[in-house]
Amino acid sequence: MPLPRPASPRFLWQDMKAFWANRPRHQWLAAVLAILIPVGIVVAFYYDSGHNVRPVQTIYYVDSWPVTRTDEEIKAKQKADQAALEAQRRARQQEFQRLDDQLNRLGI
């Protein structure tokens, strides 16, 4: 039993035209969306793959202290640094509290 001959693209095009000739508008819209949504996803992934791929350069600052520094000076510096860190944390917490209050006023 011989295999059927392969169809040419011209017959495929004629068959598709006949199939879509009497379709309602909502089926055309569904077909266009079914094609555009995956294409959009692939384009978004392609676009995102080229951005923000290099590591960001990080600068480290190091304090230089004299060898003659005493333990009391070290402890005073640590307390000052800790107080500055706590002040930053409180300020950040107050920002979030203000945002929470605004959202509560909106009912969110």
PDB file of N, CA and C in Angstrom:
ATOM      1  N   MET A   1       0.844  -1.168   0.000  1.00  0.00           N
ATOM      2  CA  MET A   1       0.000   0.000   0.000  1.00  0.00           C
ATOM      3  C   MET A   1       0.895   1.240   0.000  1.00  0.00           C
ATOM      4  N   PRO A   2       0.795   2.054  -1.027  1.00  0.00           N
ATOM      5  CA  PRO A   2       1.670   3.222  -1.119  1.00  0.00           C
ATOM      6  C   PRO A   2       1.203   4.341  -0.182  1.00  0.00           C
ATOM      7  N   LEU A   3       2.156   5.146   0.252  1.00  0.00           N
ATOM      8  CA  LEU A   3       1.854   6.304   1.087  1.00  0.00           C
ATOM      9  C   LEU A   3       1.300   7.429   0.224  1.00  0.00           C
ATOM     10  N   PRO A   4       0.439   8.270   0.797  1.00  0.00           N
ATOM     11  CA  PRO A   4      -0.082   9.380   0.003  1.00  0.00           C
ATOM     12  C   PRO A   4       1.029  10.397  -0.283  1.00  0.00           C
ATOM     13  N   ARG A   5       0.833  11.102  -1.386  1.00  0.00           N
ATOM     14  CA  ARG A   5       1.822  12.113  -1.752  1.00  0.00           C
ATOM     15  C   ARG A   5       1.753  13.271  -0.762  1.00  0.00           C
ATOM     16  N   PRO A   6       2.877  13.902  -0.465  1.00  0.00           N
ATOM     17  CA  PRO A   6       2.848  15.066   0.420  1.00  0.00           C
ATOM     18  C   PRO A   6       2.105  16.225  -0.249  1.00  0.00           C
ATOM     19  N   ALA A   7       1.329  16.921   0.557  1.00  0.00           N
ATOM     20  CA  ALA A   7       0.565  18.049   0.036  1.00  0.00           C
ATOM     21  C   ALA A   7       1.463  19.268  -0.091  1.00  0.00           C
ATOM     22  N   SER A   8       1.171  20.111  -1.040  1.00  0.00           N
ATOM     23  CA  SER A   8       1.968  21.322  -1.220  1.00  0.00           C
ATOM     24  C   SER A   8       1.436  22.422  -0.306  1.00  0.00           C
ATOM     25  N   PRO A   9       2.226  23.446  -0.035  1.00  0.00           N
ATOM     26  CA  PRO A   9       1.767  24.555   0.803  1.00  0.00           C
ATOM     27  C   PRO A   9       0.561  25.281   0.208  1.00  0.00           C
ATOM     28  N   ARG A  10       0.423  25.238  -1.106  1.00  0.00           N
ATOM     29  CA  ARG A  10      -0.716  25.895  -1.735  1.00  0.00           C
ATOM     30  C   ARG A  10      -2.028  25.248  -1.299  1.00  0.00           C
ATOM     31  N   PHE A  11      -2.047  23.926  -1.214  1.00  0.00           N
ATOM     32  CA  PHE A  11      -3.263  23.237  -0.778  1.00  0.00           C
ATOM     33  C   PHE A  11      -3.533  23.477   0.707  1.00  0.00           C
ATOM     34  N   LEU A  12      -2.482  23.555   1.499  1.00  0.00           N
ATOM     35  CA  LEU A  12      -2.647  23.869   2.907  1.00  0.00           C
ATOM     36  C   LEU A  12      -3.265  25.260   3.056  1.00  0.00           C
ATOM     37  N   TRP A  13      -2.777  26.227   2.304  1.00  0.00           N
ATOM     38  CA  TRP A  13      -3.309  27.587   2.380  1.00  0.00           C
ATOM     39  C   TRP A  13      -4.787  27.615   1.956  1.00  0.00           C
ATOM     40  N   GLN A  14      -5.135  26.902   0.894  1.00  0.00           N
ATOM     41  CA  GLN A  14      -6.533  26.844   0.448  1.00  0.00           C
ATOM     42  C   GLN A  14      -7.416  26.194   1.503  1.00  0.00           C
ATOM     43  N   ASP A  15      -6.907  25.146   2.142  1.00  0.00           N
ATOM     44  CA  ASP A  15      -7.673  24.469   3.177  1.00  0.00           C
ATOM     45  C   ASP A  15      -7.896  25.384   4.379  1.00  0.00           C
ATOM     46  N   MET A  16      -6.869  26.130   4.782  1.00  0.00           N
ATOM     47  CA  MET A  16      -7.013  27.060   5.909  1.00  0.00           C
ATOM     48  C   MET A  16      -7.982  28.193   5.566  1.00  0.00           C
ATOM     49  N   LYS A  17      -7.937  28.697   4.347  1.00  0.00           N
ATOM     50  CA  LYS A  17      -8.873  29.748   3.934  1.00  0.00           C
ATOM     51  C   LYS A  17     -10.310  29.242   3.973  1.00  0.00           C
ATOM     52  N   ALA A  18     -10.516  28.016   3.532  1.00  0.00           N
ATOM     53  CA  ALA A  18     -11.861  27.452   3.555  1.00  0.00           C
ATOM     54  C   ALA A  18     -12.337  27.218   4.992  1.00  0.00           C
ATOM     55  N   PHE A  19     -11.430  26.813   5.860  1.00  0.00           N
ATOM     56  CA  PHE A  19     -11.788  26.570   7.249  1.00  0.00           C
ATOM     57  C   PHE A  19     -12.194  27.863   7.951  1.00  0.00           C
ATOM     58  N   TRP A  20     -11.440  28.950   7.761  1.00  0.00           N
ATOM     59  CA  TRP A  20     -11.690  30.208   8.467  1.00  0.00           C
ATOM     60  C   TRP A  20     -12.671  31.123   7.740  1.00  0.00           C
ATOM     61  N   ALA A  21     -13.167  30.720   6.591  1.00  0.00           N
ATOM     62  CA  ALA A  21     -14.018  31.612   5.789  1.00  0.00           C
ATOM     63  C   ALA A  21     -15.316  31.981   6.501  1.00  0.00           C
ATOM     64  N   ASN A  22     -15.949  31.045   7.155  1.00  0.00           N
ATOM     65  CA  ASN A  22     -17.257  31.308   7.760  1.00  0.00           C
ATOM     66  C   ASN A  22     -17.226  31.277   9.283  1.00  0.00           C
ATOM     67  N   ARG A  23     -16.113  31.619   9.884  1.00  0.00           N
ATOM     68  CA  ARG A  23     -16.008  31.607  11.331  1.00  0.00           C
ATOM     69  C   ARG A  23     -16.527  32.923  11.905  1.00  0.00           C
ATOM     70  N   PRO A  24     -17.193  32.876  13.070  1.00  0.00           N
ATOM     71  CA  PRO A  24     -17.662  34.113  13.700  1.00  0.00           C
ATOM     72  C   PRO A  24     -16.492  34.927  14.277  1.00  0.00           C
ATOM     73  N   ARG A  25     -16.784  36.179  14.596  1.00  0.00           N
ATOM     74  CA  ARG A  25     -15.762  37.127  15.033  1.00  0.00           C
ATOM     75  C   ARG A  25     -15.082  36.685  16.330  1.00  0.00           C
ATOM     76  N   HIS A  26     -15.829  36.104  17.273  1.00  0.00           N
ATOM     77  CA  HIS A  26     -15.215  35.727  18.543  1.00  0.00           C
ATOM     78  C   HIS A  26     -14.189  34.614  18.360  1.00  0.00           C
ATOM     79  N   GLN A  27     -14.350  33.767  17.356  1.00  0.00           N
ATOM     80  CA  GLN A  27     -13.350  32.736  17.104  1.00  0.00           C
ATOM     81  C   GLN A  27     -12.079  33.334  16.502  1.00  0.00           C
ATOM     82  N   TRP A  28     -12.225  34.362  15.696  1.00  0.00           N
ATOM     83  CA  TRP A  28     -11.050  35.066  15.173  1.00  0.00           C
ATOM     84  C   TRP A  28     -10.279  35.723  16.315  1.00  0.00           C
ATOM     85  N   LEU A  29     -11.019  36.358  17.218  1.00  0.00           N
ATOM     86  CA  LEU A  29     -10.387  37.023  18.354  1.00  0.00           C
ATOM     87  C   LEU A  29      -9.667  35.995  19.237  1.00  0.00           C
ATOM     88  N   ALA A  30     -10.291  34.874  19.489  1.00  0.00           N
ATOM     89  CA  ALA A  30      -9.665  33.829  20.303  1.00  0.00           C
ATOM     90  C   ALA A  30      -8.401  33.285  19.621  1.00  0.00           C
ATOM     91  N   ALA A  31      -8.442  33.133  18.308  1.00  0.00           N
ATOM     92  CA  ALA A  31      -7.271  32.635  17.575  1.00  0.00           C
ATOM     93  C   ALA A  31      -6.120  33.634  17.642  1.00  0.00           C
ATOM     94  N   VAL A  32      -6.431  34.917  17.494  1.00  0.00           N
ATOM     95  CA  VAL A  32      -5.384  35.942  17.558  1.00  0.00           C
ATOM     96  C   VAL A  32      -4.773  35.980  18.965  1.00  0.00           C
ATOM     97  N   LEU A  33      -5.619  35.926  20.002  1.00  0.00           N
ATOM     98  CA  LEU A  33      -5.096  35.916  21.365  1.00  0.00           C
ATOM     99  C   LEU A  33      -4.276  34.658  21.642  1.00  0.00           C
ATOM    100  N   ALA A  34      -4.708  33.520  21.117  1.00  0.00           N
ATOM    101  CA  ALA A  34      -3.981  32.273  21.323  1.00  0.00           C
ATOM    102  C   ALA A  34      -2.592  32.332  20.691  1.00  0.00           C
ATOM    103  N   ILE A  35      -2.422  33.145  19.689  1.00  0.00           N
ATOM    104  CA  ILE A  35      -1.106  33.302  19.060  1.00  0.00           C
ATOM    105  C   ILE A  35      -0.299  34.387  19.765  1.00  0.00           C
ATOM    106  N   LEU A  36      -0.928  35.510  20.097  1.00  0.00           N
ATOM    107  CA  LEU A  36      -0.200  36.659  20.644  1.00  0.00           C
ATOM    108  C   LEU A  36       0.284  36.448  22.077  1.00  0.00           C
ATOM    109  N   ILE A  37      -0.458  35.755  22.909  1.00  0.00           N
ATOM    110  CA  ILE A  37      -0.059  35.589  24.310  1.00  0.00           C
ATOM    111  C   ILE A  37       1.243  34.794  24.436  1.00  0.00           C
ATOM    112  N   PRO A  38       1.396  33.633  23.806  1.00  0.00           N
ATOM    113  CA  PRO A  38       2.698  32.945  23.907  1.00  0.00           C
ATOM    114  C   PRO A  38       3.839  33.731  23.258  1.00  0.00           C
ATOM    115  N   VAL A  39       3.541  34.410  22.152  1.00  0.00           N
ATOM    116  CA  VAL A  39       4.580  35.220  21.518  1.00  0.00           C
ATOM    117  C   VAL A  39       5.010  36.341  22.466  1.00  0.00           C
ATOM    118  N   GLY A  40       4.055  36.975  23.134  1.00  0.00           N
ATOM    119  CA  GLY A  40       4.387  38.024  24.093  1.00  0.00           C
ATOM    120  C   GLY A  40       5.223  37.504  25.246  1.00  0.00           C
ATOM    121  N   ILE A  41       4.908  36.328  25.738  1.00  0.00           N
ATOM    122  CA  ILE A  41       5.683  35.742  26.839  1.00  0.00           C
ATOM    123  C   ILE A  41       7.115  35.466  26.388  1.00  0.00           C
ATOM    124  N   VAL A  42       7.280  34.909  25.205  1.00  0.00           N
ATOM    125  CA  VAL A  42       8.625  34.616  24.699  1.00  0.00           C
ATOM    126  C   VAL A  42       9.408  35.910  24.501  1.00  0.00           C
ATOM    127  N   VAL A  43       8.770  36.947  23.959  1.00  0.00           N
ATOM    128  CA  VAL A  43       9.440  38.235  23.765  1.00  0.00           C
ATOM    129  C   VAL A  43       9.826  38.837  25.112  1.00  0.00           C
ATOM    130  N   ALA A  44       8.972  38.740  26.109  1.00  0.00           N
ATOM    131  CA  ALA A  44       9.296  39.275  27.433  1.00  0.00           C
ATOM    132  C   ALA A  44      10.490  38.550  28.039  1.00  0.00           C
ATOM    133  N   PHE A  45      10.544  37.236  27.929  1.00  0.00           N
ATOM    134  CA  PHE A  45      11.690  36.495  28.442  1.00  0.00           C
ATOM    135  C   PHE A  45      12.963  36.862  27.679  1.00  0.00           C
ATOM    136  N   TYR A  46      12.857  37.026  26.372  1.00  0.00           N
ATOM    137  CA  TYR A  46      14.030  37.400  25.576  1.00  0.00           C
ATOM    138  C   TYR A  46      14.518  38.787  25.977  1.00  0.00           C
ATOM    139  N   TYR A  47      13.606  39.723  26.148  1.00  0.00           N
ATOM    140  CA  TYR A  47      13.974  41.081  26.539  1.00  0.00           C
ATOM    141  C   TYR A  47      14.609  41.093  27.924  1.00  0.00           C
ATOM    142  N   ASP A  48      14.055  40.321  28.847  1.00  0.00           N
ATOM    143  CA  ASP A  48      14.558  40.303  30.212  1.00  0.00           C
ATOM    144  C   ASP A  48      15.904  39.591  30.317  1.00  0.00           C
ATOM    145  N   SER A  49      16.206  38.697  29.396  1.00  0.00           N
ATOM    146  CA  SER A  49      17.448  37.933  29.497  1.00  0.00           C
ATOM    147  C   SER A  49      18.678  38.790  29.272  1.00  0.00           C
ATOM    148  N   GLY A  50      18.538  39.944  28.638  1.00  0.00           N
ATOM    149  CA  GLY A  50      19.697  40.772  28.354  1.00  0.00           C
ATOM    150  C   GLY A  50      19.909  41.898  29.330  1.00  0.00           C
ATOM    151  N   HIS A  51      19.098  42.028  30.346  1.00  0.00           N
ATOM    152  CA  HIS A  51      19.190  43.149  31.272  1.00  0.00           C
ATOM    153  C   HIS A  51      19.582  42.665  32.666  1.00  0.00           C
ATOM    154  N   ASN A  52      20.383  43.477  33.321  1.00  0.00           N
ATOM    155  CA  ASN A  52      20.805  43.233  34.699  1.00  0.00           C
ATOM    156  C   ASN A  52      21.476  41.868  34.874  1.00  0.00           C
ATOM    157  N   VAL A  53      22.354  41.516  33.959  1.00  0.00           N
ATOM    158  CA  VAL A  53      23.033  40.237  34.074  1.00  0.00           C
ATOM    159  C   VAL A  53      24.444  40.391  34.628  1.00  0.00           C
ATOM    160  N   ARG A  54      24.989  41.597  34.579  1.00  0.00           N
ATOM    161  CA  ARG A  54      26.321  41.820  35.125  1.00  0.00           C
ATOM    162  C   ARG A  54      26.226  42.099  36.622  1.00  0.00           C
ATOM    163  N   PRO A  55      27.207  41.608  37.376  1.00  0.00           N
ATOM    164  CA  PRO A  55      27.195  41.935  38.806  1.00  0.00           C
ATOM    165  C   PRO A  55      27.517  43.418  39.006  1.00  0.00           C
ATOM    166  N   VAL A  56      26.914  43.999  40.007  1.00  0.00           N
ATOM    167  CA  VAL A  56      27.116  45.400  40.314  1.00  0.00           C
ATOM    168  C   VAL A  56      28.416  45.552  41.095  1.00  0.00           C
ATOM    169  N   GLN A  57      29.177  46.581  40.753  1.00  0.00           N
ATOM    170  CA  GLN A  57      30.427  46.823  41.462  1.00  0.00           C
ATOM    171  C   GLN A  57      30.121  47.305  42.875  1.00  0.00           C
ATOM    172  N   THR A  58      30.753  46.684  43.849  1.00  0.00           N
ATOM    173  CA  THR A  58      30.531  47.025  45.246  1.00  0.00           C
ATOM    174  C   THR A  58      31.776  47.705  45.791  1.00  0.00           C
ATOM    175  N   ILE A  59      31.588  48.823  46.471  1.00  0.00           N
ATOM    176  CA  ILE A  59      32.695  49.559  47.071  1.00  0.00           C
ATOM    177  C   ILE A  59      32.647  49.344  48.573  1.00  0.00           C
ATOM    178  N   TYR A  60      33.768  48.941  49.139  1.00  0.00           N
ATOM    179  CA  TYR A  60      33.873  48.730  50.575  1.00  0.00           C
ATOM    180  C   TYR A  60      34.753  49.834  51.168  1.00  0.00           C
ATOM    181  N   TYR A  61      34.258  50.469  52.215  1.00  0.00           N
ATOM    182  CA  TYR A  61      35.023  51.475  52.922  1.00  0.00           C
ATOM    183  C   TYR A  61      35.554  50.860  54.208  1.00  0.00           C
ATOM    184  N   VAL A  62      36.843  51.042  54.446  1.00  0.00           N
ATOM    185  CA  VAL A  62      37.488  50.461  55.618  1.00  0.00           C
ATOM    186  C   VAL A  62      38.035  51.609  56.466  1.00  0.00           C
ATOM    187  N   ASP A  63      37.727  51.565  57.767  1.00  0.00           N
ATOM    188  CA  ASP A  63      38.262  52.570  58.681  1.00  0.00           C
ATOM    189  C   ASP A  63      39.709  52.226  59.016  1.00  0.00           C
ATOM    190  N   SER A  64      40.533  53.249  59.052  1.00  0.00           N
ATOM    191  CA  SER A  64      41.923  53.063  59.425  1.00  0.00           C
ATOM    192  C   SER A  64      42.112  53.647  60.824  1.00  0.00           C
ATOM    193  N   TRP A  65      42.596  52.821  61.734  1.00  0.00           N
ATOM    194  CA  TRP A  65      42.768  53.244  63.121  1.00  0.00           C
ATOM    195  C   TRP A  65      44.222  53.121  63.515  1.00  0.00           C
ATOM    196  N   PRO A  66      44.674  54.007  64.417  1.00  0.00           N
ATOM    197  CA  PRO A  66      46.065  53.891  64.883  1.00  0.00           C
ATOM    198  C   PRO A  66      46.238  52.665  65.796  1.00  0.00           C
ATOM    199  N   VAL A  67      47.431  52.184  65.879  1.00  0.00           N
ATOM    200  CA  VAL A  67      47.726  51.007  66.692  1.00  0.00           C
ATOM    201  C   VAL A  67      47.553  51.328  68.172  1.00  0.00           C
ATOM    202  N   THR A  68      47.702  52.602  68.537  1.00  0.00           N
ATOM    203  CA  THR A  68      47.650  53.002  69.942  1.00  0.00           C
ATOM    204  C   THR A  68      46.226  53.189  70.454  1.00  0.00           C
ATOM    205  N   ARG A  69      45.232  52.811  69.693  1.00  0.00           N
ATOM    206  CA  ARG A  69      43.843  52.974  70.112  1.00  0.00           C
ATOM    207  C   ARG A  69      43.554  52.075  71.314  1.00  0.00           C
ATOM    208  N   THR A  70      42.843  52.627  72.288  1.00  0.00           N
ATOM    209  CA  THR A  70      42.565  51.867  73.506  1.00  0.00           C
ATOM    210  C   THR A  70      41.250  51.105  73.387  1.00  0.00           C
ATOM    211  N   ASP A  71      41.040  50.194  74.319  1.00  0.00           N
ATOM    212  CA  ASP A  71      39.806  49.410  74.328  1.00  0.00           C
ATOM    213  C   ASP A  71      38.588  50.308  74.565  1.00  0.00           C
ATOM    214  N   GLU A  72      38.754  51.361  75.376  1.00  0.00           N
ATOM    215  CA  GLU A  72      37.640  52.273  75.634  1.00  0.00           C
ATOM    216  C   GLU A  72      37.224  53.012  74.364  1.00  0.00           C
ATOM    217  N   GLU A  73      38.189  53.387  73.551  1.00  0.00           N
ATOM    218  CA  GLU A  73      37.874  54.051  72.275  1.00  0.00           C
ATOM    219  C   GLU A  73      37.131  53.090  71.343  1.00  0.00           C
ATOM    220  N   ILE A  74      37.549  51.846  71.330  1.00  0.00           N
ATOM    221  CA  ILE A  74      36.885  50.841  70.488  1.00  0.00           C
ATOM    222  C   ILE A  74      35.438  50.663  70.940  1.00  0.00           C
ATOM    223  N   LYS A  75      35.229  50.529  72.263  1.00  0.00           N
ATOM    224  CA  LYS A  75      33.872  50.348  72.782  1.00  0.00           C
ATOM    225  C   LYS A  75      33.010  51.573  72.534  1.00  0.00           C
ATOM    226  N   ALA A  76      33.583  52.769  72.665  1.00  0.00           N
ATOM    227  CA  ALA A  76      32.825  54.001  72.395  1.00  0.00           C
ATOM    228  C   ALA A  76      32.414  54.068  70.931  1.00  0.00           C
ATOM    229  N   LYS A  77      33.302  53.695  70.025  1.00  0.00           N
ATOM    230  CA  LYS A  77      32.987  53.691  68.586  1.00  0.00           C
ATOM    231  C   LYS A  77      31.898  52.668  68.279  1.00  0.00           C
ATOM    232  N   GLN A  78      31.990  51.497  68.904  1.00  0.00           N
ATOM    233  CA  GLN A  78      30.969  50.475  68.681  1.00  0.00           C
ATOM    234  C   GLN A  78      29.607  50.935  69.188  1.00  0.00           C
ATOM    235  N   LYS A  79      29.573  51.608  70.336  1.00  0.00           N
ATOM    236  CA  LYS A  79      28.305  52.121  70.860  1.00  0.00           C
ATOM    237  C   LYS A  79      27.730  53.198  69.949  1.00  0.00           C
ATOM    238  N   ALA A  80      28.600  54.059  69.435  1.00  0.00           N
ATOM    239  CA  ALA A  80      28.135  55.113  68.525  1.00  0.00           C
ATOM    240  C   ALA A  80      27.589  54.497  67.238  1.00  0.00           C
ATOM    241  N   ASP A  81      28.294  53.499  66.706  1.00  0.00           N
ATOM    242  CA  ASP A  81      27.825  52.826  65.491  1.00  0.00           C
ATOM    243  C   ASP A  81      26.498  52.114  65.741  1.00  0.00           C
ATOM    244  N   GLN A  82      26.377  51.472  66.901  1.00  0.00           N
ATOM    245  CA  GLN A  82      25.135  50.775  67.232  1.00  0.00           C
ATOM    246  C   GLN A  82      23.977  51.764  67.368  1.00  0.00           C
ATOM    247  N   ALA A  83      24.237  52.923  67.979  1.00  0.00           N
ATOM    248  CA  ALA A  83      23.190  53.934  68.126  1.00  0.00           C
ATOM    249  C   ALA A  83      22.757  54.464  66.761  1.00  0.00           C
ATOM    250  N   ALA A  84      23.715  54.670  65.857  1.00  0.00           N
ATOM    251  CA  ALA A  84      23.372  55.144  64.506  1.00  0.00           C
ATOM    252  C   ALA A  84      22.550  54.088  63.771  1.00  0.00           C
ATOM    253  N   LEU A  85      22.918  52.821  63.928  1.00  0.00           N
ATOM    254  CA  LEU A  85      22.172  51.739  63.284  1.00  0.00           C
ATOM    255  C   LEU A  85      20.746  51.655  63.828  1.00  0.00           C
ATOM    256  N   GLU A  86      20.602  51.771  65.134  1.00  0.00           N
ATOM    257  CA  GLU A  86      19.267  51.740  65.735  1.00  0.00           C
ATOM    258  C   GLU A  86      18.422  52.926  65.265  1.00  0.00           C
ATOM    259  N   ALA A  87      19.047  54.096  65.116  1.00  0.00           N
ATOM    260  CA  ALA A  87      18.312  55.271  64.629  1.00  0.00           C
ATOM    261  C   ALA A  87      17.817  55.041  63.205  1.00  0.00           C
ATOM    262  N   GLN A  88      18.642  54.435  62.371  1.00  0.00           N
ATOM    263  CA  GLN A  88      18.222  54.121  61.002  1.00  0.00           C
ATOM    264  C   GLN A  88      17.071  53.117  61.009  1.00  0.00           C
ATOM    265  N   ARG A  89      17.153  52.122  61.860  1.00  0.00           N
ATOM    266  CA  ARG A  89      16.091  51.107  61.945  1.00  0.00           C
ATOM    267  C   ARG A  89      14.776  51.730  62.416  1.00  0.00           C
ATOM    268  N   ARG A  90      14.862  52.626  63.418  1.00  0.00           N
ATOM    269  CA  ARG A  90      13.644  53.293  63.905  1.00  0.00           C
ATOM    270  C   ARG A  90      13.033  54.170  62.819  1.00  0.00           C
ATOM    271  N   ALA A  91      13.875  54.888  62.071  1.00  0.00           N
ATOM    272  CA  ALA A  91      13.367  55.739  60.996  1.00  0.00           C
ATOM    273  C   ALA A  91      12.673  54.887  59.925  1.00  0.00           C
ATOM    274  N   ARG A  92      13.283  53.770  59.577  1.00  0.00           N
ATOM    275  CA  ARG A  92      12.680  52.872  58.580  1.00  0.00           C
ATOM    276  C   ARG A  92      11.361  52.289  59.103  1.00  0.00           C
ATOM    277  N   GLN A  93      11.342  51.931  60.382  1.00  0.00           N
ATOM    278  CA  GLN A  93      10.129  51.389  60.982  1.00  0.00           C
ATOM    279  C   GLN A  93       9.022  52.438  60.996  1.00  0.00           C
ATOM    280  N   GLN A  94       9.368  53.692  61.254  1.00  0.00           N
ATOM    281  CA  GLN A  94       8.368  54.761  61.245  1.00  0.00           C
ATOM    282  C   GLN A  94       7.821  54.986  59.838  1.00  0.00           C
ATOM    283  N   GLU A  95       8.683  54.852  58.814  1.00  0.00           N
ATOM    284  CA  GLU A  95       8.206  54.964  57.429  1.00  0.00           C
ATOM    285  C   GLU A  95       7.168  53.884  57.136  1.00  0.00           C
ATOM    286  N   PHE A  96       7.479  52.663  57.543  1.00  0.00           N
ATOM    287  CA  PHE A  96       6.533  51.568  57.313  1.00  0.00           C
ATOM    288  C   PHE A  96       5.253  51.768  58.126  1.00  0.00           C
ATOM    289  N   GLN A  97       5.382  52.325  59.321  1.00  0.00           N
ATOM    290  CA  GLN A  97       4.198  52.579  60.140  1.00  0.00           C
ATOM    291  C   GLN A  97       3.311  53.625  59.475  1.00  0.00           C
ATOM    292  N   ARG A  98       3.914  54.684  58.921  1.00  0.00           N
ATOM    293  CA  ARG A  98       3.124  55.701  58.201  1.00  0.00           C
ATOM    294  C   ARG A  98       2.423  55.088  56.994  1.00  0.00           C
ATOM    295  N   LEU A  99       3.132  54.234  56.263  1.00  0.00           N
ATOM    296  CA  LEU A  99       2.522  53.565  55.115  1.00  0.00           C
ATOM    297  C   LEU A  99       1.366  52.682  55.563  1.00  0.00           C
ATOM    298  N   ASP A 100       1.552  51.952  56.657  1.00  0.00           N
ATOM    299  CA  ASP A 100       0.488  51.102  57.180  1.00  0.00           C
ATOM    300  C   ASP A 100      -0.718  51.932  57.603  1.00  0.00           C
ATOM    301  N   ASP A 101      -0.479  53.068  58.236  1.00  0.00           N
ATOM    302  CA  ASP A 101      -1.592  53.946  58.632  1.00  0.00           C
ATOM    303  C   ASP A 101      -2.350  54.464  57.420  1.00  0.00           C
ATOM    304  N   GLN A 102      -1.623  54.835  56.369  1.00  0.00           N
ATOM    305  CA  GLN A 102      -2.278  55.312  55.145  1.00  0.00           C
ATOM    306  C   GLN A 102      -3.113  54.209  54.516  1.00  0.00           C
ATOM    307  N   LEU A 103      -2.589  53.000  54.480  1.00  0.00           N
ATOM    308  CA  LEU A 103      -3.340  51.884  53.904  1.00  0.00           C
ATOM    309  C   LEU A 103      -4.553  51.543  54.760  1.00  0.00           C
ATOM    310  N   ASN A 104      -4.424  51.651  56.086  1.00  0.00           N
ATOM    311  CA  ASN A 104      -5.570  51.400  56.955  1.00  0.00           C
ATOM    312  C   ASN A 104      -6.674  52.428  56.733  1.00  0.00           C
ATOM    313  N   ARG A 105      -6.276  53.697  56.496  1.00  0.00           N
ATOM    314  CA  ARG A 105      -7.271  54.704  56.209  1.00  0.00           C
ATOM    315  C   ARG A 105      -8.040  54.414  54.925  1.00  0.00           C
ATOM    316  N   LEU A 106      -7.346  53.786  53.954  1.00  0.00           N
ATOM    317  CA  LEU A 106      -7.987  53.420  52.695  1.00  0.00           C
ATOM    318  C   LEU A 106      -8.786  52.123  52.817  1.00  0.00           C
ATOM    319  N   GLY A 107      -8.637  51.438  53.928  1.00  0.00           N
ATOM    320  CA  GLY A 107      -9.372  50.181  54.127  1.00  0.00           C
ATOM    321  C   GLY A 107      -8.663  48.979  53.576  1.00  0.00           C
ATOM    322  N   ILE A 108      -7.389  49.093  53.377  1.00  0.00           N
ATOM    323  CA  ILE A 108      -6.615  47.962  52.827  1.00  0.00           C
ATOM    324  C   ILE A 108      -5.850  47.300  53.939  1.00  0.00           C
TER     325      ILE A 108
END
